[in-house]
Amino acid sequence: MRILKYLFLLLLLSFVALSIFVATQKGDFTVERSQIINSPKSTVFNFVNDYRNWEDFSSWVVEDPEMQITYPKKTIGPGASFSWEGKEGTGDMLTVFVKENDSISQKMNYDGTSSSVFWSFKDTIGGTKVTWKTTGKMSFTMKVYTAFNGGMNKIIGRMYEKSLVNLDKTLDFEINTYAVKVNGLVKKLGTFYLRQTFTSEISKVTKNAQIVFPKMITFCEQNNIELNGKPFIIYHTYDSVSGLTKLSFCVPIKNQILTSSGSDILTGKLEPFDAIKTTLTGDYSHTKKALDKAKAYINTNRIAIDLTFSHLENFTISRTEIKNPSKWVTEIYYPIKPKVIPVKTFTPAVIKIEEVIKTPAPVINKEEEQSEF
């Protein structure tokens, strides 16, 4: 009995000693890892900046297929967020600050431990150098966990290393796998649509589309407006030299409506038109290649362009239907002038009117006339 008391006391003292040891350990931590990603900087930045892509490369998500992830409406840019609940714990992430194609600042909570997360993206030989850094203060529970698992640098560092490798593999395949096909002459059907018109940098069109289209679709849902197909963009002007474009983000609708005065969402009607159609299968970063191929086809075949607007992009299969960029389908239409078919006209044959030559009537001798009777 006395031995049991000594053992119990020993265990209690060990627990107290361990608790004191853990509690007195430094709670502050900094973990940083870097990786060269074989993709352009803007592509890597845009992929990381959208939380909906994180389940494709984050090691703690990839390794826990039963993890439950919750996405709000905003998953891109400042104010974007997402949360998760898995076998290893629960957490959430919030984007605080974004510098386009340069850096992202975030706040993360994981099982009671809060940390600041920072991403940087730098051009380098072979692609983009991505640095992922986190700093914070551990909770008591996290201190206990890390004490038995090699420390915070080992635990978080291993997660970051695996995630960055996954990011490189995902982008290398998903972003760089694409195909462009010129379909040729087609008749593009017309439709009524809602639109928002802007002047934008060409390089930011994809980012702006990810913000504008969800708002317009939500507007339609809230007002019971029936959609009539997939979203599209009308490029009124497209200046590749200045890098600027005037464009309308459009959502096709079944019936014509009137929006309230002062609304930033306006209505329009797309009339049917003849066009040269080109299909891009893959990420939007290859849009320029598709445009160049379409223009080369037009020039080679000496097709007359209709200058009513530059071109139209229709998002047939997009990120809303499937996550994989390699499977997205974008249809590009360049309006052309319809061929003028000559109308055959009937020209009657020329009738020559010849002069009638009058001949004198024969003179009949009366005596001869009588002799005939």
Protein backbone atom coordinates (compact mmCIF):
# COMPACT_ATOMS: atom_id res chain seq x y z
CA MET A 1 0.00 0.00 0.00
CA ARG A 2 2.83 2.33 0.93
CA ILE A 3 4.51 1.57 -2.39
CA LEU A 4 1.36 2.59 -4.27
CA LYS A 5 1.28 5.87 -2.38
CA TYR A 6 4.92 6.54 -3.30
CA LEU A 7 4.21 5.72 -6.95
CA PHE A 8 1.17 8.00 -7.00
CA LEU A 9 3.19 10.78 -5.35
CA LEU A 10 5.99 10.27 -7.85
CA LEU A 11 3.58 10.51 -10.76
CA LEU A 12 1.99 13.63 -9.30
CA LEU A 13 5.38 15.28 -8.79
CA SER A 14 6.37 14.35 -12.36
CA PHE A 15 3.17 15.86 -13.71
CA VAL A 16 3.67 19.05 -11.73
CA ALA A 17 7.31 19.26 -12.82
CA LEU A 18 6.31 18.73 -16.45
CA SER A 19 3.59 21.35 -16.19
CA ILE A 20 6.02 23.84 -14.70
CA PHE A 21 8.57 23.02 -17.38
CA VAL A 22 6.06 23.46 -20.19
CA ALA A 23 4.59 26.64 -18.71
CA THR A 24 8.01 28.25 -18.35
CA GLN A 25 9.01 27.43 -21.92
CA LYS A 26 9.14 30.30 -24.35
CA GLY A 27 5.78 30.53 -26.13
CA ASP A 28 6.86 32.76 -29.00
CA PHE A 29 7.70 31.03 -32.25
CA THR A 30 8.79 31.82 -35.80
CA VAL A 31 8.73 29.28 -38.63
CA GLU A 32 9.85 30.04 -42.20
CA ARG A 33 10.24 27.94 -45.32
CA SER A 34 10.98 28.77 -48.99
CA GLN A 35 10.56 26.94 -52.31
CA ILE A 36 11.19 27.70 -55.99
CA ILE A 37 7.89 27.24 -57.85
CA ASN A 38 8.14 26.51 -61.58
CA SER A 39 5.44 29.00 -62.61
CA PRO A 40 5.19 32.78 -63.27
CA LYS A 41 4.91 35.03 -60.22
CA SER A 42 1.44 36.35 -61.05
CA THR A 43 0.14 32.81 -61.53
CA VAL A 44 1.49 31.61 -58.18
CA PHE A 45 0.25 34.73 -56.39
CA ASN A 46 -3.28 34.46 -57.79
CA PHE A 47 -3.47 30.76 -56.93
CA VAL A 48 -2.40 31.26 -53.29
CA ASN A 49 -4.57 34.37 -52.94
CA ASP A 50 -7.75 32.29 -53.42
CA TYR A 51 -8.51 30.10 -50.39
CA ARG A 52 -10.55 27.73 -52.54
CA ASN A 53 -7.25 26.48 -53.97
CA TRP A 54 -5.71 25.68 -50.60
CA GLU A 55 -7.23 22.23 -50.34
CA ASP A 56 -5.20 21.32 -53.45
CA PHE A 57 -1.83 21.98 -51.83
CA SER A 58 -2.11 22.44 -48.03
CA SER A 59 -0.63 19.32 -46.47
CA TRP A 60 -2.97 19.30 -43.47
CA VAL A 61 -5.94 19.25 -45.87
CA VAL A 62 -4.46 16.81 -48.39
CA GLU A 63 -3.60 14.32 -45.64
CA ASP A 64 -7.05 14.51 -44.01
CA PRO A 65 -9.66 13.61 -46.68
CA GLU A 66 -12.46 13.79 -44.09
CA MET A 67 -11.67 17.38 -43.16
CA GLN A 68 -14.67 19.71 -43.29
CA ILE A 69 -13.90 23.06 -44.97
CA THR A 70 -16.20 26.08 -44.87
CA TYR A 71 -15.92 28.86 -47.44
CA PRO A 72 -17.70 32.21 -47.18
CA LYS A 73 -18.64 34.17 -50.30
CA LYS A 74 -15.33 36.07 -50.25
CA THR A 75 -12.26 33.86 -50.64
CA ILE A 76 -9.95 36.25 -52.53
CA GLY A 77 -8.05 39.34 -51.35
CA PRO A 78 -8.34 41.43 -48.16
CA GLY A 79 -11.19 40.24 -45.95
CA ALA A 80 -11.23 36.75 -47.49
CA SER A 81 -11.36 33.79 -45.12
CA PHE A 82 -12.05 30.09 -44.64
CA SER A 83 -12.20 27.63 -41.74
CA TRP A 84 -11.65 23.91 -41.27
CA GLU A 85 -12.36 21.09 -38.84
CA GLY A 86 -10.28 17.94 -39.04
CA LYS A 87 -8.90 15.03 -37.05
CA GLU A 88 -5.88 17.09 -35.95
CA GLY A 89 -7.94 20.10 -34.80
CA THR A 90 -9.86 23.15 -35.97
CA GLY A 91 -8.72 26.47 -37.35
CA ASP A 92 -9.51 29.49 -39.47
CA MET A 93 -7.62 31.92 -41.69
CA LEU A 94 -8.24 35.58 -42.56
CA THR A 95 -6.47 37.69 -45.20
CA VAL A 96 -5.48 41.06 -43.74
CA PHE A 97 -3.42 42.69 -46.47
CA VAL A 98 -2.50 42.01 -50.10
CA LYS A 99 0.12 43.62 -52.33
CA GLU A 100 -0.57 42.57 -55.91
CA ASN A 101 1.89 39.92 -57.17
CA ASP A 102 4.19 40.61 -54.24
CA SER A 103 2.94 39.59 -50.79
CA ILE A 104 -0.02 38.40 -48.67
CA SER A 105 -0.53 38.95 -44.92
CA GLN A 106 -2.90 36.69 -42.94
CA LYS A 107 -4.10 35.87 -39.42
CA MET A 108 -4.51 32.23 -38.40
CA ASN A 109 -6.12 30.60 -35.36
CA TYR A 110 -5.40 26.95 -34.75
CA ASP A 111 -6.73 25.19 -31.65
CA GLY A 112 -6.37 28.33 -29.54
CA THR A 113 -2.99 29.40 -30.93
CA SER A 114 -3.00 32.65 -32.89
CA SER A 115 -0.32 33.54 -35.40
CA SER A 116 0.52 36.01 -38.14
CA VAL A 117 1.23 34.49 -41.54
CA PHE A 118 3.18 36.18 -44.31
CA TRP A 119 3.77 35.15 -47.94
CA SER A 120 6.24 36.75 -50.33
CA PHE A 121 6.65 36.11 -54.07
CA LYS A 122 9.86 37.00 -55.90
CA ASP A 123 10.94 36.45 -59.51
CA THR A 124 13.96 34.21 -59.75
CA ILE A 125 15.76 31.88 -62.15
CA GLY A 126 13.53 28.88 -62.74
CA GLY A 127 10.26 30.51 -61.69
CA THR A 128 9.09 32.16 -58.47
CA LYS A 129 10.67 32.05 -55.02
CA VAL A 130 7.85 31.64 -52.50
CA THR A 131 8.56 32.30 -48.82
CA TRP A 132 5.99 31.24 -46.22
CA LYS A 133 6.51 32.58 -42.71
CA THR A 134 4.48 32.43 -39.50
CA THR A 135 5.02 34.04 -36.08
CA GLY A 136 2.89 33.72 -32.96
CA LYS A 137 2.50 32.69 -29.35
CA MET A 138 1.61 29.15 -28.34
CA SER A 139 -1.23 28.26 -26.00
CA PHE A 140 -0.48 25.92 -23.08
CA THR A 141 -2.05 23.00 -24.96
CA MET A 142 0.12 23.70 -27.97
CA LYS A 143 3.21 23.89 -25.76
CA VAL A 144 2.47 20.42 -24.41
CA TYR A 145 1.86 19.06 -27.91
CA THR A 146 5.06 20.52 -29.35
CA ALA A 147 7.11 19.41 -26.35
CA PHE A 148 6.37 15.78 -27.22
CA ASN A 149 6.60 16.20 -31.01
CA GLY A 150 9.89 17.92 -31.65
CA GLY A 151 9.00 21.58 -31.29
CA MET A 152 7.01 24.11 -33.30
CA ASN A 153 9.67 24.61 -35.97
CA LYS A 154 9.65 20.89 -36.79
CA ILE A 155 5.85 20.49 -36.74
CA ILE A 156 4.87 23.61 -38.72
CA GLY A 157 8.03 23.51 -40.83
CA ARG A 158 7.23 20.02 -42.06
CA MET A 159 3.69 21.10 -42.97
CA TYR A 160 5.02 24.09 -44.91
CA GLU A 161 7.64 22.03 -46.74
CA LYS A 162 5.08 19.45 -47.90
CA SER A 163 2.59 22.16 -48.84
CA LEU A 164 5.10 24.07 -50.96
CA VAL A 165 6.07 20.88 -52.82
CA ASN A 166 2.37 20.22 -53.44
CA LEU A 167 1.94 23.80 -54.65
CA ASP A 168 4.73 23.38 -57.19
CA LYS A 169 3.34 20.07 -58.50
CA THR A 170 -0.22 21.38 -58.67
CA LEU A 171 0.69 24.55 -60.54
CA ASP A 172 3.14 22.81 -62.85
CA PHE A 173 0.42 20.48 -64.12
CA GLU A 174 -2.81 22.40 -63.68
CA ILE A 175 -1.57 25.78 -64.89
CA ASN A 176 0.74 24.63 -67.66
CA THR A 177 -1.61 22.07 -69.22
CA TYR A 178 -3.69 23.80 -71.90
CA ALA A 179 -4.92 23.60 -75.51
CA VAL A 180 -6.03 26.21 -78.06
CA LYS A 181 -8.27 25.39 -81.03
CA VAL A 182 -9.56 27.78 -83.70
CA ASN A 183 -13.07 26.52 -84.48
CA GLY A 184 -13.59 28.91 -87.41
CA LEU A 185 -16.69 30.76 -88.58
CA VAL A 186 -19.79 30.49 -86.36
CA LYS A 187 -23.00 32.38 -85.64
CA LYS A 188 -22.98 33.66 -82.06
CA LEU A 189 -26.49 33.75 -80.64
CA GLY A 190 -27.86 36.87 -78.98
CA THR A 191 -29.25 37.35 -75.46
CA PHE A 192 -30.40 39.94 -72.95
CA TYR A 193 -27.86 40.54 -70.19
CA LEU A 194 -26.95 42.48 -67.06
CA ARG A 195 -23.62 44.28 -67.12
CA GLN A 196 -21.08 46.27 -65.17
CA THR A 197 -18.67 48.29 -67.30
CA PHE A 198 -15.13 49.28 -66.26
CA THR A 199 -11.77 50.35 -67.56
CA SER A 200 -9.20 47.89 -66.25
CA GLU A 201 -5.63 46.78 -66.62
CA ILE A 202 -5.61 43.70 -68.84
CA SER A 203 -3.49 41.83 -66.27
CA LYS A 204 -6.21 42.33 -63.62
CA VAL A 205 -9.23 41.22 -65.64
CA THR A 206 -9.23 37.68 -64.20
CA LYS A 207 -9.00 38.98 -60.65
CA ASN A 208 -11.77 41.52 -61.23
CA ALA A 209 -13.97 38.85 -62.82
CA GLN A 210 -13.66 36.71 -59.69
CA ILE A 211 -15.02 39.64 -57.68
CA VAL A 212 -17.67 41.07 -60.02
CA PHE A 213 -19.37 37.93 -61.37
CA PRO A 214 -20.31 36.48 -57.93
CA LYS A 215 -21.88 39.84 -56.97
CA MET A 216 -23.93 39.96 -60.19
CA ILE A 217 -25.11 36.37 -59.83
CA THR A 218 -26.10 37.06 -56.22
CA PHE A 219 -28.05 40.10 -57.46
CA CYS A 220 -29.94 37.84 -59.88
CA GLU A 221 -30.71 35.31 -57.15
CA GLN A 222 -31.96 37.97 -54.76
CA ASN A 223 -34.24 39.46 -57.42
CA ASN A 224 -35.46 36.16 -58.92
CA ILE A 225 -33.89 36.92 -62.30
CA GLU A 226 -33.59 33.80 -64.46
CA LEU A 227 -30.18 33.26 -66.02
CA ASN A 228 -29.72 32.30 -69.66
CA GLY A 229 -26.27 30.75 -69.82
CA LYS A 230 -22.76 31.33 -68.58
CA PRO A 231 -21.12 34.71 -67.75
CA PHE A 232 -19.19 36.48 -70.48
CA ILE A 233 -17.03 39.55 -71.01
CA ILE A 234 -17.41 42.05 -73.86
CA TYR A 235 -14.14 43.84 -74.57
CA HIS A 236 -15.17 47.17 -76.07
CA THR A 237 -11.52 48.19 -76.50
CA TYR A 238 -8.35 46.15 -75.99
CA ASP A 239 -5.02 47.99 -76.10
CA SER A 240 -2.15 45.54 -75.59
CA VAL A 241 0.38 48.38 -75.86
CA SER A 242 -0.98 50.43 -72.94
CA GLY A 243 -2.22 47.30 -71.18
CA LEU A 244 -5.70 48.79 -70.72
CA THR A 245 -9.15 47.62 -71.76
CA LYS A 246 -12.68 48.91 -71.51
CA LEU A 247 -14.93 45.96 -70.84
CA SER A 248 -18.32 44.86 -69.58
CA PHE A 249 -18.77 41.93 -67.22
CA CYS A 250 -22.06 40.38 -68.39
CA VAL A 251 -24.52 37.83 -67.01
CA PRO A 252 -27.04 36.54 -69.60
CA ILE A 253 -30.71 36.62 -68.56
CA LYS A 254 -33.89 35.14 -70.06
CA ASN A 255 -35.97 38.29 -70.26
CA GLN A 256 -35.26 41.99 -70.59
CA ILE A 257 -35.60 43.96 -67.36
CA LEU A 258 -35.13 47.52 -66.15
CA THR A 259 -32.77 48.31 -63.29
CA SER A 260 -33.38 51.14 -60.84
CA SER A 261 -31.96 54.61 -61.46
CA GLY A 262 -28.43 55.00 -60.12
CA SER A 263 -27.74 51.26 -60.06
CA ASP A 264 -24.23 50.18 -61.02
CA ILE A 265 -25.76 47.13 -62.71
CA LEU A 266 -27.19 48.01 -66.13
CA THR A 267 -28.98 46.04 -68.84
CA GLY A 268 -28.17 45.36 -72.47
CA LYS A 269 -28.94 43.16 -75.45
CA LEU A 270 -26.42 41.20 -77.47
CA GLU A 271 -27.54 40.88 -81.06
CA PRO A 272 -26.60 37.70 -83.00
CA PHE A 273 -23.39 38.14 -84.99
CA ASP A 274 -20.96 36.28 -87.23
CA ALA A 275 -17.68 35.49 -85.51
CA ILE A 276 -14.44 33.56 -85.61
CA LYS A 277 -14.57 31.25 -82.61
CA THR A 278 -11.50 30.04 -80.68
CA THR A 279 -11.62 27.65 -77.70
CA LEU A 280 -9.11 27.74 -74.85
CA THR A 281 -9.04 24.69 -72.59
CA GLY A 282 -6.94 25.51 -69.53
CA ASP A 283 -6.02 28.31 -67.17
CA TYR A 284 -6.83 31.94 -68.02
CA SER A 285 -3.12 32.79 -68.02
CA HIS A 286 -3.02 31.32 -71.56
CA THR A 287 -5.68 33.71 -72.90
CA LYS A 288 -3.10 35.78 -74.79
CA LYS A 289 -1.95 32.69 -76.68
CA ALA A 290 -5.55 32.01 -77.70
CA LEU A 291 -6.07 35.61 -78.82
CA ASP A 292 -2.86 35.55 -80.85
CA LYS A 293 -3.83 32.31 -82.56
CA ALA A 294 -7.29 33.66 -83.40
CA LYS A 295 -5.85 36.87 -84.89
CA ALA A 296 -3.30 34.89 -86.91
CA TYR A 297 -6.14 32.82 -88.39
CA ILE A 298 -8.11 35.98 -89.22
CA ASN A 299 -5.10 37.61 -90.89
CA THR A 300 -4.11 34.50 -92.83
CA ASN A 301 -7.61 34.12 -94.23
CA ARG A 302 -8.01 37.87 -94.84
CA ILE A 303 -11.23 38.06 -92.86
CA ALA A 304 -12.73 41.52 -92.32
CA ILE A 305 -13.18 42.34 -88.63
CA ASP A 306 -16.30 44.10 -87.37
CA LEU A 307 -15.08 46.94 -85.13
CA THR A 308 -18.33 47.21 -83.11
CA PHE A 309 -16.28 45.78 -80.22
CA SER A 310 -12.94 44.00 -79.88
CA HIS A 311 -14.00 40.49 -78.84
CA LEU A 312 -16.13 38.46 -76.45
CA GLU A 313 -15.06 35.80 -73.95
CA ASN A 314 -17.62 33.23 -72.78
CA PHE A 315 -16.76 31.19 -69.65
CA THR A 316 -18.28 27.84 -70.59
CA ILE A 317 -16.60 25.84 -67.81
CA SER A 318 -15.03 27.88 -64.99
CA ARG A 319 -13.83 27.59 -61.41
CA THR A 320 -17.46 27.59 -60.21
CA GLU A 321 -18.02 24.21 -61.91
CA ILE A 322 -14.61 22.60 -61.41
CA LYS A 323 -11.50 23.47 -59.41
CA ASN A 324 -8.93 22.16 -61.89
CA PRO A 325 -7.65 25.00 -64.13
CA SER A 326 -6.54 22.48 -66.78
CA LYS A 327 -10.23 21.66 -67.41
CA TRP A 328 -11.61 25.20 -67.67
CA VAL A 329 -13.09 26.09 -71.07
CA THR A 330 -13.22 29.65 -72.43
CA GLU A 331 -14.78 30.46 -75.82
CA ILE A 332 -13.46 33.56 -77.60
CA TYR A 333 -15.45 35.27 -80.37
CA TYR A 334 -14.04 37.89 -82.74
CA PRO A 335 -16.92 39.65 -84.56
CA ILE A 336 -16.50 39.78 -88.32
CA LYS A 337 -18.30 41.54 -91.12
CA PRO A 338 -20.86 39.30 -92.81
CA LYS A 339 -20.07 38.37 -96.38
CA VAL A 340 -21.92 40.41 -98.97
CA ILE A 341 -23.62 38.02 -101.37
CA PRO A 342 -24.25 39.67 -104.76
CA VAL A 343 -27.88 39.64 -105.76
CA LYS A 344 -28.54 38.51 -109.32
CA THR A 345 -30.87 40.89 -111.15
CA PHE A 346 -32.90 40.06 -114.27
CA THR A 347 -32.12 42.22 -117.28
CA PRO A 348 -34.53 41.73 -120.15
CA ALA A 349 -33.06 41.20 -123.61
CA VAL A 350 -32.97 44.21 -125.89
CA ILE A 351 -35.59 43.97 -128.61
CA LYS A 352 -34.67 45.69 -131.85
CA ILE A 353 -37.60 47.35 -133.57
CA GLU A 354 -37.08 47.09 -137.28
CA GLU A 355 -38.70 49.54 -139.63
CA VAL A 356 -41.73 48.09 -141.46
CA ILE A 357 -41.41 48.55 -145.24
CA LYS A 358 -44.74 49.29 -146.75
CA THR A 359 -45.34 47.82 -150.20
CA PRO A 360 -48.13 49.09 -152.48
CA ALA A 361 -51.17 46.86 -152.72
CA PRO A 362 -51.47 45.03 -156.04
CA VAL A 363 -53.75 46.66 -158.62
CA ILE A 364 -56.52 44.35 -159.74
CA ASN A 365 -57.96 44.79 -163.17
CA LYS A 366 -61.73 44.93 -162.98
CA GLU A 367 -62.13 42.86 -166.09
CA GLU A 368 -59.93 40.13 -164.63
CA GLU A 369 -61.87 40.27 -161.40
CA GLN A 370 -65.10 39.76 -163.27
CA SER A 371 -63.72 36.92 -165.39
CA GLU A 372 -63.03 34.90 -162.24
CA PHE A 373 -66.74 34.67 -161.45
